[in-house]
N, C-alpha and C. Protein backbone atom coordinates (compact mmCIF):
# COMPACT_ATOMS: atom_id res chain seq x y z
N MET A 1 -8.26 2.78 -8.50
CA MET A 1 -8.61 1.49 -8.70
C MET A 1 -8.37 1.10 -9.94
N SER A 2 -8.00 -0.41 -9.92
CA SER A 2 -7.66 -0.79 -11.27
C SER A 2 -8.91 -2.03 -11.46
N ALA A 3 -9.65 -1.79 -12.47
CA ALA A 3 -10.88 -2.42 -12.51
C ALA A 3 -10.48 -3.87 -13.36
N LEU A 4 -11.16 -4.85 -12.57
CA LEU A 4 -11.02 -6.11 -13.20
C LEU A 4 -11.68 -6.38 -14.43
N ASP A 5 -11.07 -6.79 -15.30
CA ASP A 5 -11.74 -7.08 -16.54
C ASP A 5 -11.53 -8.72 -16.51
N LEU A 6 -12.83 -9.51 -16.41
CA LEU A 6 -12.81 -11.02 -16.30
C LEU A 6 -12.16 -11.75 -17.40
N ALA A 7 -12.33 -11.12 -18.59
CA ALA A 7 -11.45 -11.74 -19.54
C ALA A 7 -9.84 -11.82 -19.60
N ASN A 8 -9.61 -11.05 -18.58
CA ASN A 8 -7.94 -11.01 -18.42
C ASN A 8 -7.61 -12.22 -17.32
N ILE A 9 -8.64 -12.79 -16.87
CA ILE A 9 -8.02 -14.10 -15.98
C ILE A 9 -7.53 -15.10 -16.96
N PRO A 10 -6.27 -15.72 -16.78
CA PRO A 10 -5.81 -16.41 -17.81
C PRO A 10 -6.97 -17.65 -17.80
N SER A 11 -7.09 -18.25 -18.90
CA SER A 11 -7.99 -19.49 -19.52
C SER A 11 -7.53 -20.75 -18.81
N ASN A 12 -6.23 -20.86 -18.28
CA ASN A 12 -5.96 -22.14 -17.78
C ASN A 12 -6.03 -22.14 -16.08
N ILE A 13 -6.62 -20.96 -15.76
CA ILE A 13 -6.98 -21.10 -14.03
C ILE A 13 -8.32 -21.74 -14.07
N ASN A 14 -8.19 -22.93 -13.40
CA ASN A 14 -9.63 -23.73 -13.60
C ASN A 14 -9.94 -24.16 -12.13
N THR A 15 -9.22 -23.88 -11.13
CA THR A 15 -9.70 -24.16 -9.65
C THR A 15 -9.69 -22.88 -8.73
N TYR A 16 -10.42 -23.04 -7.81
CA TYR A 16 -10.52 -21.65 -6.80
C TYR A 16 -9.11 -21.56 -6.27
N GLU A 17 -8.20 -22.57 -5.90
CA GLU A 17 -6.90 -22.45 -5.44
C GLU A 17 -6.07 -21.74 -6.47
N ARG A 18 -6.18 -22.10 -7.62
CA ARG A 18 -5.27 -21.28 -8.78
C ARG A 18 -5.69 -19.93 -8.90
N LEU A 19 -6.81 -19.60 -8.75
CA LEU A 19 -7.58 -18.29 -8.77
C LEU A 19 -7.15 -17.55 -7.70
N PHE A 20 -6.97 -18.01 -6.42
CA PHE A 20 -6.50 -17.60 -5.41
C PHE A 20 -5.05 -17.01 -5.45
N VAL A 21 -4.26 -17.94 -5.90
CA VAL A 21 -2.85 -17.50 -6.10
C VAL A 21 -2.66 -16.57 -7.08
N TRP A 22 -3.29 -16.71 -8.13
CA TRP A 22 -3.28 -15.57 -9.35
C TRP A 22 -3.85 -14.18 -8.72
N ALA A 23 -4.82 -14.19 -8.09
CA ALA A 23 -5.36 -13.02 -7.54
C ALA A 23 -4.37 -12.36 -6.55
N GLY A 24 -3.63 -13.24 -5.79
CA GLY A 24 -2.48 -12.81 -4.75
C GLY A 24 -1.59 -12.01 -5.51
N GLN A 25 -1.09 -12.75 -6.48
CA GLN A 25 -0.04 -12.30 -7.30
C GLN A 25 -0.41 -10.82 -8.01
N CYS A 26 -1.55 -10.87 -8.47
CA CYS A 26 -2.08 -9.62 -8.94
C CYS A 26 -2.03 -8.57 -8.00
N LEU A 27 -2.58 -8.88 -6.73
CA LEU A 27 -2.35 -7.82 -5.80
C LEU A 27 -1.14 -7.42 -5.39
N GLN A 28 -0.08 -8.39 -5.25
CA GLN A 28 1.20 -8.06 -5.26
C GLN A 28 1.70 -7.19 -6.24
N SER A 29 1.43 -7.28 -7.34
CA SER A 29 1.93 -6.63 -8.49
C SER A 29 1.42 -5.10 -8.37
N ILE A 30 -0.05 -4.98 -8.10
CA ILE A 30 -0.55 -3.54 -8.02
C ILE A 30 -0.08 -2.76 -6.84
N ALA A 31 0.20 -3.65 -5.84
CA ALA A 31 0.71 -2.92 -4.61
C ALA A 31 2.24 -2.27 -4.70
N ASN A 32 2.92 -2.97 -5.83
CA ASN A 32 4.28 -2.53 -6.01
C ASN A 32 5.11 -2.10 -5.08
N GLY A 33 5.41 -2.89 -4.17
CA GLY A 33 6.33 -2.50 -3.05
C GLY A 33 5.47 -1.79 -1.85
N GLN A 34 4.27 -1.53 -2.01
CA GLN A 34 3.55 -0.75 -0.78
C GLN A 34 3.83 -1.79 0.42
N THR A 35 3.83 -0.99 1.52
CA THR A 35 4.02 -1.74 2.90
C THR A 35 2.80 -1.24 3.75
N THR A 36 2.53 -2.06 4.79
CA THR A 36 1.50 -1.82 5.60
C THR A 36 2.05 -2.16 7.22
N SER A 37 1.80 -1.07 8.15
CA SER A 37 2.11 -1.20 9.32
C SER A 37 1.07 -2.21 10.24
N VAL A 38 1.43 -3.38 10.64
CA VAL A 38 0.39 -4.33 11.01
C VAL A 38 0.42 -4.27 12.79
N LEU A 39 1.70 -4.33 13.21
CA LEU A 39 1.78 -4.39 14.69
C LEU A 39 2.52 -2.81 14.96
N GLU A 40 2.14 -2.33 16.05
CA GLU A 40 2.64 -1.15 16.66
C GLU A 40 4.01 -1.24 16.94
N ASN A 41 4.90 -0.33 16.66
CA ASN A 41 6.45 -0.54 17.12
C ASN A 41 7.11 -1.63 16.19
N GLN A 42 6.61 -2.10 15.17
CA GLN A 42 7.12 -3.11 14.42
C GLN A 42 7.38 -2.56 13.12
N GLY A 43 8.20 -2.98 12.32
CA GLY A 43 8.48 -2.69 11.04
C GLY A 43 7.36 -2.92 10.12
N ALA A 44 7.12 -2.28 9.03
CA ALA A 44 6.08 -2.43 7.96
C ALA A 44 6.38 -3.77 7.20
N ILE A 45 5.25 -4.26 6.63
CA ILE A 45 5.42 -5.56 5.87
C ILE A 45 4.81 -5.02 4.60
N PRO A 46 5.05 -6.04 3.56
CA PRO A 46 4.33 -5.94 2.24
C PRO A 46 2.80 -5.81 2.39
N THR A 47 2.11 -5.08 1.51
CA THR A 47 0.73 -5.02 1.76
C THR A 47 0.09 -6.20 1.24
N ALA A 48 0.83 -6.63 -0.03
CA ALA A 48 0.48 -7.97 -0.47
C ALA A 48 1.53 -8.93 -0.95
N GLN A 49 1.51 -10.15 -0.64
CA GLN A 49 2.78 -11.09 -1.20
C GLN A 49 2.54 -12.46 -1.30
N VAL A 50 2.99 -12.98 -2.29
CA VAL A 50 2.80 -14.41 -2.33
C VAL A 50 4.11 -15.05 -2.27
N GLN A 51 4.31 -15.87 -1.40
CA GLN A 51 5.66 -16.68 -1.17
C GLN A 51 5.46 -18.09 -1.28
N VAL A 52 6.61 -18.88 -1.35
CA VAL A 52 6.65 -20.28 -1.57
C VAL A 52 7.28 -20.83 -0.22
N GLY A 53 6.65 -21.65 0.56
CA GLY A 53 7.51 -22.22 1.74
C GLY A 53 7.18 -23.61 1.84
N VAL A 54 8.06 -24.46 2.66
CA VAL A 54 8.21 -25.76 2.91
C VAL A 54 7.65 -25.94 4.47
N LEU A 55 6.64 -26.53 4.60
CA LEU A 55 5.94 -26.86 6.00
C LEU A 55 6.73 -27.88 6.56
N ALA A 56 6.04 -28.09 7.85
CA ALA A 56 7.00 -29.13 8.66
C ALA A 56 6.74 -30.43 8.26
N ASP A 57 5.73 -30.85 7.48
CA ASP A 57 5.59 -32.12 6.77
C ASP A 57 6.31 -32.25 5.44
N ASN A 58 7.22 -31.32 5.22
CA ASN A 58 8.06 -31.16 3.92
C ASN A 58 7.00 -30.92 2.71
N SER A 59 6.02 -30.50 2.80
CA SER A 59 5.08 -30.17 1.69
C SER A 59 5.55 -28.81 1.41
N ASP A 60 5.40 -28.43 -0.16
CA ASP A 60 5.65 -27.28 -0.70
C ASP A 60 4.17 -26.45 -0.67
N ARG A 61 4.20 -25.12 -0.23
CA ARG A 61 2.94 -24.59 -0.11
C ARG A 61 3.06 -23.07 -0.73
N PHE A 62 1.97 -22.26 -1.17
CA PHE A 62 1.97 -21.04 -1.37
C PHE A 62 1.48 -20.39 -0.07
N ILE A 63 2.04 -19.30 0.19
CA ILE A 63 1.91 -18.45 1.45
C ILE A 63 1.22 -16.97 0.82
N VAL A 64 -0.07 -16.84 0.78
CA VAL A 64 -0.54 -15.52 0.49
C VAL A 64 -1.05 -14.72 1.41
N THR A 65 -0.60 -13.56 1.50
CA THR A 65 -1.01 -12.67 2.54
C THR A 65 -1.15 -11.21 2.00
N ALA A 66 -2.37 -10.65 2.29
CA ALA A 66 -2.71 -9.36 1.74
C ALA A 66 -3.41 -8.65 2.78
N TYR A 67 -3.28 -7.38 3.13
CA TYR A 67 -3.86 -6.36 3.91
C TYR A 67 -4.73 -5.58 3.09
N VAL A 68 -5.80 -5.91 2.75
CA VAL A 68 -6.96 -5.15 1.95
C VAL A 68 -7.51 -4.07 2.70
N PRO A 69 -7.66 -2.82 2.39
CA PRO A 69 -8.37 -1.81 3.27
C PRO A 69 -9.82 -2.40 2.98
N LEU A 70 -10.81 -1.92 3.95
CA LEU A 70 -12.27 -2.18 3.97
C LEU A 70 -13.13 -1.00 4.49
N SER A 71 -14.25 -0.86 3.94
CA SER A 71 -15.26 -0.16 4.55
C SER A 71 -16.25 -0.75 5.38
N GLN A 72 -16.06 0.00 6.83
CA GLN A 72 -16.90 -0.61 7.84
C GLN A 72 -18.50 -0.36 7.37
N ALA A 73 -18.69 0.69 6.68
CA ALA A 73 -20.16 0.76 6.24
C ALA A 73 -20.73 -0.28 5.30
N ASP A 74 -19.64 -0.55 4.42
CA ASP A 74 -20.15 -1.52 3.28
C ASP A 74 -20.07 -3.05 3.97
N LEU A 75 -19.17 -3.25 5.01
CA LEU A 75 -19.26 -4.54 5.58
C LEU A 75 -20.51 -4.67 6.42
N ASN A 76 -20.86 -3.85 6.98
CA ASN A 76 -22.16 -3.90 7.76
C ASN A 76 -23.33 -3.65 7.10
N ASP A 77 -23.33 -3.33 5.76
CA ASP A 77 -24.57 -3.19 5.07
C ASP A 77 -25.17 -4.48 4.83
N PRO A 78 -26.49 -4.77 5.37
CA PRO A 78 -27.05 -6.12 5.01
C PRO A 78 -27.53 -6.16 3.55
N ASP A 79 -27.32 -5.41 2.86
CA ASP A 79 -27.77 -5.57 1.27
C ASP A 79 -26.50 -5.88 0.48
N ASN A 80 -25.18 -5.64 0.90
CA ASN A 80 -24.14 -6.04 0.39
C ASN A 80 -23.43 -7.35 0.66
N LYS A 81 -22.75 -7.97 -0.21
CA LYS A 81 -21.99 -9.51 0.13
C LYS A 81 -20.65 -8.71 0.80
N THR A 82 -20.05 -9.49 1.63
CA THR A 82 -18.95 -9.10 2.39
C THR A 82 -17.72 -8.49 1.51
N TRP A 83 -17.37 -9.23 0.39
CA TRP A 83 -16.47 -8.92 -0.20
C TRP A 83 -16.53 -7.44 -0.97
N MET A 84 -17.87 -6.87 -0.89
CA MET A 84 -18.02 -5.53 -1.47
C MET A 84 -17.33 -4.50 -0.72
N ALA A 85 -17.19 -4.91 0.57
CA ALA A 85 -16.35 -3.92 1.54
C ALA A 85 -15.02 -3.68 1.16
N ALA A 86 -14.35 -4.58 0.17
CA ALA A 86 -12.90 -4.35 -0.01
C ALA A 86 -12.67 -3.07 -0.88
N GLN A 87 -11.70 -2.26 -0.34
CA GLN A 87 -11.11 -0.98 -0.82
C GLN A 87 -9.91 -1.27 -1.65
N ASP A 88 -9.75 -0.40 -2.59
CA ASP A 88 -8.63 -0.31 -3.55
C ASP A 88 -7.38 -0.28 -2.89
N ILE A 89 -6.26 -1.07 -3.03
CA ILE A 89 -4.88 -1.19 -2.57
C ILE A 89 -4.14 0.04 -3.50
N SER A 90 -4.45 0.07 -4.70
CA SER A 90 -3.81 0.81 -5.63
C SER A 90 -4.68 1.26 -6.86
N GLU A 91 -4.05 2.27 -7.86
CA GLU A 91 -4.61 2.47 -8.97
C GLU A 91 -4.08 1.82 -10.08
N SER A 92 -2.95 0.94 -9.97
CA SER A 92 -2.19 0.50 -10.82
C SER A 92 -2.85 -0.86 -11.39
N ALA A 93 -2.45 -1.37 -12.77
CA ALA A 93 -2.86 -2.42 -13.14
C ALA A 93 -1.92 -3.62 -12.79
N PRO A 94 -2.27 -4.73 -12.82
CA PRO A 94 -1.37 -5.64 -12.60
C PRO A 94 -0.37 -5.80 -13.87
N ASN A 95 1.04 -6.35 -13.61
CA ASN A 95 1.99 -6.60 -14.57
C ASN A 95 1.22 -7.54 -15.77
N THR A 96 1.48 -7.22 -16.99
CA THR A 96 1.01 -7.75 -17.95
C THR A 96 1.22 -9.35 -18.16
N ASN A 97 2.18 -9.66 -17.66
CA ASN A 97 2.72 -11.28 -17.65
C ASN A 97 1.67 -11.92 -16.94
N LEU A 98 0.97 -11.50 -15.98
CA LEU A 98 -0.07 -11.99 -15.27
C LEU A 98 -1.43 -12.09 -15.85
N LEU A 99 -1.61 -11.71 -17.14
CA LEU A 99 -2.87 -11.43 -17.55
C LEU A 99 -2.96 -12.38 -19.03
N SER A 100 -2.10 -13.46 -19.03
CA SER A 100 -2.04 -14.52 -19.97
C SER A 100 -1.53 -15.81 -19.36
N ASN A 101 -1.90 -16.75 -20.27
CA ASN A 101 -1.39 -18.15 -19.85
C ASN A 101 -0.01 -18.21 -19.98
């Protein structure tokens, strides 16, 4: 597990959307090429990735995908918030370029 230090969240992240994209980029960084088999008999895909795409309406969008392991016991624990069921992807820390403005 790479512990999150809230002080490492860049100070210019001031919306939930920016926080979401930043967190996705951090997950992509710590996954460091790790892949996950999502569908049987199909190739593995990145465990976490942030891409940029153009939608049908010609708008640019971030596409954030992550397959975060979870604990069913924690997920079903009435005393826990849902996000507390998330398990570690890696023991790595994000690349340092993600930890500053």
